[in-house]
Amino acid sequence: MSLHESVRQFCSEIGKDPLIVQGAGGNVSWKENDILWIKASGTWLADAGDKDIFVPVQLDHLTKALKNGDYAVVPQTATSTPLKPSIETLLHALMPHRIVVHVHAIEVLAHLVRKDFDHTNYPALDKSLNSRTVKYCKPGAELAEAVANQLDGTTSTRVVFLRNHGVIIGGDSIEELSKTLHHLTHFFATPAVSAQISTPDTSLRLANGAEFNPIGLAKLHEVAITPSLVDRLTDNWALYPDHVVFLGPHPRLFESLEEAKSSLEQEAELPDVIFVRGLGTFARETMNKAKIAQLICYYDVMTKLNDGAQLSTLTNMQISELIDWDAEKYRRGLNDEK
């Protein structure tokens, strides 16, 4: 099997595991000669086996710019294509490994959002990974520079933890990457605590005809019903980029359907999803697969934070940077029909 085929198969497999990849999140690349093949912005790793989701980028162009400290360099595609390279292409060019994987694995993410996260706090972590930790930065040039400052130009650092974001893994074979990913997800694994919740049997219809119906996945109603999760909803909503990009800067939590109706009927732009304390989670038909994937991700992370740990949330300025960023508007737009 060629490298191209083995990477596609790997991407398809991890892309279908919501504990590793959520919707359009994450990206994978491999280097061949002077070409960096990178997942296109807005595409899904789960589609790797059926669709052309990778874009060829001129690697030497990026490498020269990055060596000169030009982190604002724009990737140049090697062929004509309507697809755009991933927002995080520079991270893949910086990592000197043959194959690079960047994912938002739930087990790891549940630690990365903790206020005190640093890989040095986990002495039992495999030392051969030569891990590094990078503070939260806006994806793109800012994050690329922060990661570059942690690398030494060799392949010794195989794992870079991105606080409030995800993990980057470098390696020379799919087997090596799979082994590292397996190690990390098992090392950081935390039992989830959840409750049996029934789906509400009521809906909300506004005067303009818009409807909010109970979300179809029963466990997502826990977010609005379980007291500890409702507290997290209020205090710890904006934890990592994809959550903010697809679900908005703030949660819409109401005390009752009546309060929700009264408030929402005064608004020109309606949210995709609302939470009613003690009742459940309600969504409009605009709540597409990409957004549901992010809400499931949030639930999966929250149910693994059972020790009352303090979390690090994105600031209002960091949130605004993501919401108003054209690159993220483009990625979000590609997923509107998902």
Protein backbone atom coordinates (compact mmCIF):
# COMPACT_ATOMS: atom_id res chain seq x y z
CA MET A 1 0.00 0.00 0.00
CA SER A 2 1.38 3.42 -0.96
CA LEU A 3 1.92 6.16 1.61
CA HIS A 4 -0.93 8.12 0.01
CA GLU A 5 -3.32 5.18 0.41
CA SER A 6 -2.22 4.31 3.96
CA VAL A 7 -2.69 7.91 5.11
CA ARG A 8 -6.14 8.05 3.56
CA GLN A 9 -7.14 4.81 5.27
CA PHE A 10 -5.81 6.07 8.60
CA CYS A 11 -7.68 9.37 8.21
CA SER A 12 -10.90 7.59 7.34
CA GLU A 13 -10.61 5.42 10.45
CA ILE A 14 -9.83 8.13 12.99
CA GLY A 15 -12.25 10.50 11.27
CA LYS A 16 -15.11 8.17 12.10
CA ASP A 17 -14.19 8.05 15.81
CA PRO A 18 -15.79 11.04 17.59
CA LEU A 19 -13.42 10.58 20.52
CA ILE A 20 -10.55 11.40 18.17
CA VAL A 21 -12.03 13.68 15.48
CA GLN A 22 -15.16 15.83 15.53
CA GLY A 23 -16.68 16.88 12.21
CA ALA A 24 -14.36 19.13 10.21
CA GLY A 25 -11.88 19.38 13.08
CA GLY A 26 -8.32 18.16 12.98
CA ASN A 27 -5.97 17.74 10.05
CA VAL A 28 -3.39 15.32 8.68
CA SER A 29 -0.48 15.82 6.29
CA TRP A 30 2.35 13.94 4.65
CA LYS A 31 5.44 15.06 2.78
CA GLU A 32 6.51 13.70 -0.60
CA ASN A 33 9.51 15.26 -2.33
CA ASP A 34 8.81 19.02 -2.28
CA ILE A 35 5.07 18.68 -1.73
CA LEU A 36 3.16 18.88 1.52
CA TRP A 37 -0.20 17.14 1.17
CA ILE A 38 -2.57 18.66 3.72
CA LYS A 39 -6.26 18.25 4.50
CA ALA A 40 -8.32 21.03 2.92
CA SER A 41 -10.07 23.55 5.15
CA GLY A 42 -13.63 22.57 6.05
CA THR A 43 -13.35 18.97 4.83
CA TRP A 44 -13.88 15.94 7.06
CA LEU A 45 -11.18 13.34 7.73
CA ALA A 46 -13.97 10.75 7.78
CA ASP A 47 -14.42 11.37 4.03
CA ALA A 48 -10.79 10.61 3.18
CA GLY A 49 -11.62 7.22 1.70
CA ASP A 50 -14.35 8.54 -0.61
CA LYS A 51 -13.41 12.11 -1.52
CA ASP A 52 -10.36 14.13 -2.50
CA ILE A 53 -9.89 16.11 0.69
CA PHE A 54 -6.14 16.79 0.44
CA VAL A 55 -4.40 19.75 -1.18
CA PRO A 56 -0.80 19.73 -2.51
CA VAL A 57 1.20 22.67 -1.17
CA GLN A 58 4.68 23.85 -2.15
CA LEU A 59 6.79 22.76 0.82
CA ASP A 60 10.04 24.55 -0.05
CA HIS A 61 8.18 27.88 -0.24
CA LEU A 62 6.87 27.41 3.29
CA THR A 63 10.12 26.07 4.69
CA LYS A 64 12.16 29.04 3.45
CA ALA A 65 9.64 31.55 4.79
CA LEU A 66 9.43 29.88 8.20
CA LYS A 67 13.22 29.70 8.52
CA ASN A 68 13.22 33.47 7.98
CA GLY A 69 10.60 33.95 10.67
CA ASP A 70 7.82 34.77 8.22
CA TYR A 71 4.84 33.20 9.98
CA ALA A 72 2.39 35.19 7.89
CA VAL A 73 3.42 33.29 4.76
CA VAL A 74 0.47 32.12 2.63
CA PRO A 75 0.68 28.49 1.45
CA GLN A 76 0.90 28.12 -2.33
CA THR A 77 -0.92 25.17 -3.87
CA ALA A 78 1.02 23.06 -6.38
CA THR A 79 -1.98 22.52 -8.64
CA SER A 80 -5.15 24.40 -9.48
CA THR A 81 -7.87 23.46 -7.01
CA PRO A 82 -10.97 25.10 -5.53
CA LEU A 83 -9.99 23.75 -2.11
CA LYS A 84 -8.01 25.80 0.39
CA PRO A 85 -5.23 24.33 2.55
CA SER A 86 -6.03 23.87 6.23
CA ILE A 87 -5.80 26.94 8.45
CA GLU A 88 -3.09 25.05 10.35
CA THR A 89 -0.89 24.18 7.34
CA LEU A 90 2.10 25.98 8.88
CA LEU A 91 2.10 23.61 11.86
CA HIS A 92 2.55 20.69 9.50
CA ALA A 93 5.37 22.42 7.62
CA LEU A 94 7.14 23.22 10.89
CA MET A 95 7.09 19.64 12.11
CA PRO A 96 9.99 17.92 10.27
CA HIS A 97 8.36 14.50 10.36
CA ARG A 98 7.18 12.66 7.26
CA ILE A 99 3.59 12.46 8.56
CA VAL A 100 1.90 14.89 10.94
CA VAL A 101 -1.44 14.47 12.68
CA HIS A 102 -3.34 17.19 14.54
CA VAL A 103 -6.47 16.12 16.40
CA HIS A 104 -8.73 17.23 19.24
CA ALA A 105 -8.87 13.84 20.96
CA ILE A 106 -11.40 13.96 23.79
CA GLU A 107 -9.26 12.18 26.40
CA VAL A 108 -6.42 14.64 25.82
CA LEU A 109 -8.63 17.70 25.35
CA ALA A 110 -10.23 17.11 28.74
CA HIS A 111 -6.77 17.81 30.22
CA LEU A 112 -5.73 20.58 27.84
CA VAL A 113 -8.61 22.79 29.00
CA ARG A 114 -7.48 22.64 32.63
CA LYS A 115 -6.04 25.89 33.91
CA ASP A 116 -2.86 24.23 35.18
CA PHE A 117 -2.12 21.95 32.20
CA ASP A 118 1.50 21.30 31.30
CA HIS A 119 2.97 18.00 30.12
CA THR A 120 5.57 18.26 32.90
CA ASN A 121 2.75 17.68 35.40
CA TYR A 122 2.50 14.11 34.05
CA PRO A 123 5.86 12.48 34.93
CA ALA A 124 4.69 9.03 33.76
CA LEU A 125 4.16 10.26 30.19
CA ASP A 126 6.44 8.48 27.72
CA LYS A 127 9.72 10.46 27.82
CA SER A 128 10.73 9.28 24.34
CA LEU A 129 8.02 11.53 22.89
CA ASN A 130 10.04 14.56 24.02
CA SER A 131 6.74 16.41 24.44
CA ARG A 132 6.26 20.16 24.48
CA THR A 133 3.40 22.36 25.69
CA VAL A 134 2.30 25.56 23.93
CA LYS A 135 -0.04 28.14 25.45
CA TYR A 136 -3.29 28.92 23.65
CA CYS A 137 -2.78 31.03 20.54
CA LYS A 138 -5.05 31.92 17.65
CA PRO A 139 -4.63 29.29 14.91
CA GLY A 140 -2.51 30.44 12.01
CA ALA A 141 0.56 32.67 12.21
CA GLU A 142 0.41 33.27 15.97
CA LEU A 143 0.16 29.58 16.81
CA ALA A 144 2.80 28.62 14.23
CA GLU A 145 5.33 30.97 15.81
CA ALA A 146 4.58 29.65 19.30
CA VAL A 147 5.09 26.06 18.13
CA ALA A 148 8.27 26.97 16.24
CA ASN A 149 9.73 28.35 19.46
CA GLN A 150 9.33 24.91 21.04
CA LEU A 151 11.03 22.94 18.26
CA ASP A 152 14.74 22.42 17.67
CA GLY A 153 14.69 21.48 13.99
CA THR A 154 15.06 17.77 14.66
CA THR A 155 12.48 14.99 14.79
CA SER A 156 13.08 14.42 18.51
CA THR A 157 9.88 16.20 19.57
CA ARG A 158 7.08 13.95 18.42
CA VAL A 159 4.24 15.46 20.46
CA VAL A 160 3.21 19.07 20.96
CA PHE A 161 0.31 19.78 23.29
CA LEU A 162 -1.71 22.88 22.41
CA ARG A 163 -3.51 24.21 25.47
CA ASN A 164 -7.24 24.79 24.92
CA HIS A 165 -6.91 23.30 21.45
CA GLY A 166 -5.50 19.86 20.68
CA VAL A 167 -2.37 17.80 20.10
CA ILE A 168 0.14 17.56 17.23
CA ILE A 169 1.87 14.25 16.60
CA GLY A 170 4.77 13.68 14.21
CA GLY A 171 6.16 10.42 12.91
CA ASP A 172 7.62 8.59 9.94
CA SER A 173 4.96 5.92 9.53
CA ILE A 174 1.25 5.40 10.14
CA GLU A 175 2.16 2.58 12.52
CA GLU A 176 4.28 4.94 14.62
CA LEU A 177 1.58 7.62 14.66
CA SER A 178 -1.13 5.13 15.59
CA LYS A 179 0.99 3.85 18.45
CA THR A 180 1.61 7.36 19.78
CA LEU A 181 -2.05 8.36 19.47
CA HIS A 182 -3.08 5.15 21.24
CA HIS A 183 -0.60 5.87 24.04
CA LEU A 184 -1.88 9.42 24.55
CA THR A 185 -5.57 8.56 24.53
CA HIS A 186 -5.04 5.75 27.02
CA PHE A 187 -2.60 7.67 29.20
CA PHE A 188 -4.98 10.61 29.62
CA ALA A 189 -8.17 8.50 29.75
CA THR A 190 -10.65 9.58 32.41
CA PRO A 191 -13.92 7.76 33.22
CA ALA A 192 -16.97 9.72 32.16
CA VAL A 193 -19.74 10.33 34.65
CA SER A 194 -23.17 10.58 33.07
CA ALA A 195 -26.81 10.14 33.99
CA GLN A 196 -29.83 8.55 32.35
CA ILE A 197 -31.87 11.41 30.94
CA SER A 198 -35.16 11.24 29.06
CA THR A 199 -35.77 13.35 25.98
CA PRO A 200 -38.34 16.12 26.67
CA ASP A 201 -41.71 15.65 24.98
CA THR A 202 -42.30 19.32 24.29
CA SER A 203 -41.08 21.85 21.72
CA LEU A 204 -40.90 25.60 21.32
CA ARG A 205 -42.55 27.41 18.42
CA LEU A 206 -42.02 31.13 17.97
CA ALA A 207 -44.48 33.62 16.48
CA ASN A 208 -42.42 33.82 13.28
CA GLY A 209 -42.77 30.06 12.80
CA ALA A 210 -39.27 29.10 13.92
CA GLU A 211 -39.21 25.91 15.96
CA PHE A 212 -36.86 24.57 18.59
CA ASN A 213 -37.27 20.83 19.05
CA PRO A 214 -35.64 18.50 21.57
CA ILE A 215 -32.27 17.45 20.21
CA GLY A 216 -32.31 13.86 19.02
CA LEU A 217 -29.41 12.48 21.07
CA ALA A 218 -30.73 11.88 24.58
CA LYS A 219 -27.41 12.34 26.38
CA LEU A 220 -27.12 15.94 25.14
CA HIS A 221 -30.04 16.90 27.36
CA GLU A 222 -27.76 16.27 30.35
CA VAL A 223 -25.94 19.50 29.55
CA ALA A 224 -29.07 21.44 30.59
CA ILE A 225 -30.26 19.12 33.36
CA THR A 226 -27.33 17.77 35.41
CA PRO A 227 -26.47 20.59 37.88
CA SER A 228 -22.68 20.25 37.55
CA LEU A 229 -22.96 20.39 33.74
CA VAL A 230 -25.28 23.40 33.86
CA ASP A 231 -22.69 25.17 36.01
CA ARG A 232 -19.99 24.34 33.46
CA LEU A 233 -22.30 25.59 30.71
CA THR A 234 -22.52 28.94 32.47
CA ASP A 235 -18.85 29.27 33.43
CA ASN A 236 -16.88 27.20 30.92
CA TRP A 237 -18.43 27.45 27.46
CA ALA A 238 -15.61 28.82 25.28
CA LEU A 239 -12.85 26.30 25.84
CA TYR A 240 -11.32 25.69 22.39
CA PRO A 241 -11.58 27.14 18.86
CA ASP A 242 -13.90 24.72 17.04
CA HIS A 243 -16.50 24.94 19.79
CA VAL A 244 -16.68 28.71 19.46
CA VAL A 245 -16.53 28.71 15.65
CA PHE A 246 -19.45 26.31 15.21
CA LEU A 247 -21.57 26.92 18.33
CA GLY A 248 -21.04 30.61 18.97
CA PRO A 249 -19.38 32.72 21.65
CA HIS A 250 -21.91 32.17 24.44
CA PRO A 251 -24.48 29.53 25.41
CA ARG A 252 -28.16 30.49 25.43
CA LEU A 253 -29.42 29.18 28.77
CA PHE A 254 -33.01 29.87 29.86
CA GLU A 255 -34.90 29.07 33.04
CA SER A 256 -38.02 27.92 31.18
CA LEU A 257 -39.51 27.56 27.70
CA GLU A 258 -41.67 30.57 28.45
CA GLU A 259 -38.62 32.69 29.18
CA ALA A 260 -36.95 31.39 26.02
CA LYS A 261 -39.99 32.25 23.91
CA SER A 262 -40.27 35.76 25.33
CA SER A 263 -36.59 36.48 24.78
CA LEU A 264 -36.10 34.84 21.38
CA GLU A 265 -39.13 36.51 19.83
CA GLN A 266 -37.35 39.84 20.33
CA GLU A 267 -34.25 38.72 18.43
CA ALA A 268 -33.51 39.18 14.72
CA GLU A 269 -30.90 36.40 14.59
CA LEU A 270 -31.79 33.18 16.35
CA PRO A 271 -29.26 30.73 17.83
CA ASP A 272 -29.06 27.17 16.52
CA VAL A 273 -29.34 25.62 19.95
CA ILE A 274 -30.72 26.65 23.34
CA PHE A 275 -30.60 25.10 26.79
CA VAL A 276 -33.50 25.14 29.23
CA ARG A 277 -32.42 24.49 32.81
CA GLY A 278 -33.86 21.28 34.19
CA LEU A 279 -35.67 20.46 30.94
CA GLY A 280 -33.24 19.82 28.11
CA THR A 281 -31.46 20.94 24.94
CA PHE A 282 -33.45 22.28 21.97
CA ALA A 283 -32.31 22.97 18.43
CA ARG A 284 -33.54 24.44 15.17
CA GLU A 285 -33.18 22.72 11.82
CA THR A 286 -30.07 24.88 11.27
CA MET A 287 -28.31 22.67 13.81
CA ASN A 288 -26.40 20.66 11.21
CA LYS A 289 -24.12 17.64 11.59
CA ALA A 290 -21.01 19.77 12.03
CA LYS A 291 -22.57 21.71 14.91
CA ILE A 292 -24.00 18.58 16.54
CA ALA A 293 -20.53 17.01 16.38
CA GLN A 294 -19.15 19.95 18.34
CA LEU A 295 -21.92 19.79 20.93
CA ILE A 296 -21.22 16.08 21.42
CA CYS A 297 -17.53 16.95 21.79
CA TYR A 298 -18.37 19.49 24.49
CA TYR A 299 -20.51 16.94 26.31
CA ASP A 300 -17.80 14.29 26.10
CA VAL A 301 -15.20 16.68 27.53
CA MET A 302 -17.47 17.97 30.30
CA THR A 303 -18.45 14.50 31.53
CA LYS A 304 -14.76 13.68 32.03
CA LEU A 305 -14.17 16.69 34.30
CA ASN A 306 -15.51 15.24 37.52
CA ASP A 307 -12.95 16.49 40.04
CA GLY A 308 -14.03 20.12 40.11
CA ALA A 309 -10.91 21.16 38.20
CA GLN A 310 -10.59 24.82 37.30
CA LEU A 311 -10.74 25.35 33.57
CA SER A 312 -9.15 27.92 31.32
CA THR A 313 -11.69 29.61 29.06
CA LEU A 314 -10.95 31.80 26.07
CA THR A 315 -11.11 35.53 26.68
CA ASN A 316 -13.60 37.79 24.93
CA MET A 317 -10.80 39.08 22.70
CA GLN A 318 -9.75 35.53 21.76
CA ILE A 319 -13.37 34.67 21.02
CA SER A 320 -13.80 37.74 18.80
CA GLU A 321 -10.66 36.83 16.86
CA LEU A 322 -12.19 33.49 15.95
CA ILE A 323 -15.73 34.65 15.22
CA ASP A 324 -14.65 37.53 12.96
CA TRP A 325 -11.88 35.65 11.15
CA ASP A 326 -12.54 35.21 7.42
CA ALA A 327 -10.72 31.87 7.38
CA GLU A 328 -13.11 30.47 9.98
CA LYS A 329 -16.14 31.98 8.26
CA TYR A 330 -15.05 30.11 5.12
CA ARG A 331 -14.64 26.81 7.00
CA ARG A 332 -17.95 27.25 8.80
CA GLY A 333 -19.68 28.04 5.51
CA LEU A 334 -18.44 24.83 3.90
CA ASN A 335 -20.15 22.89 6.67
CA ASP A 336 -23.54 24.63 6.52
CA GLU A 337 -25.00 21.81 4.45
CA LYS A 338 -23.44 19.00 6.48
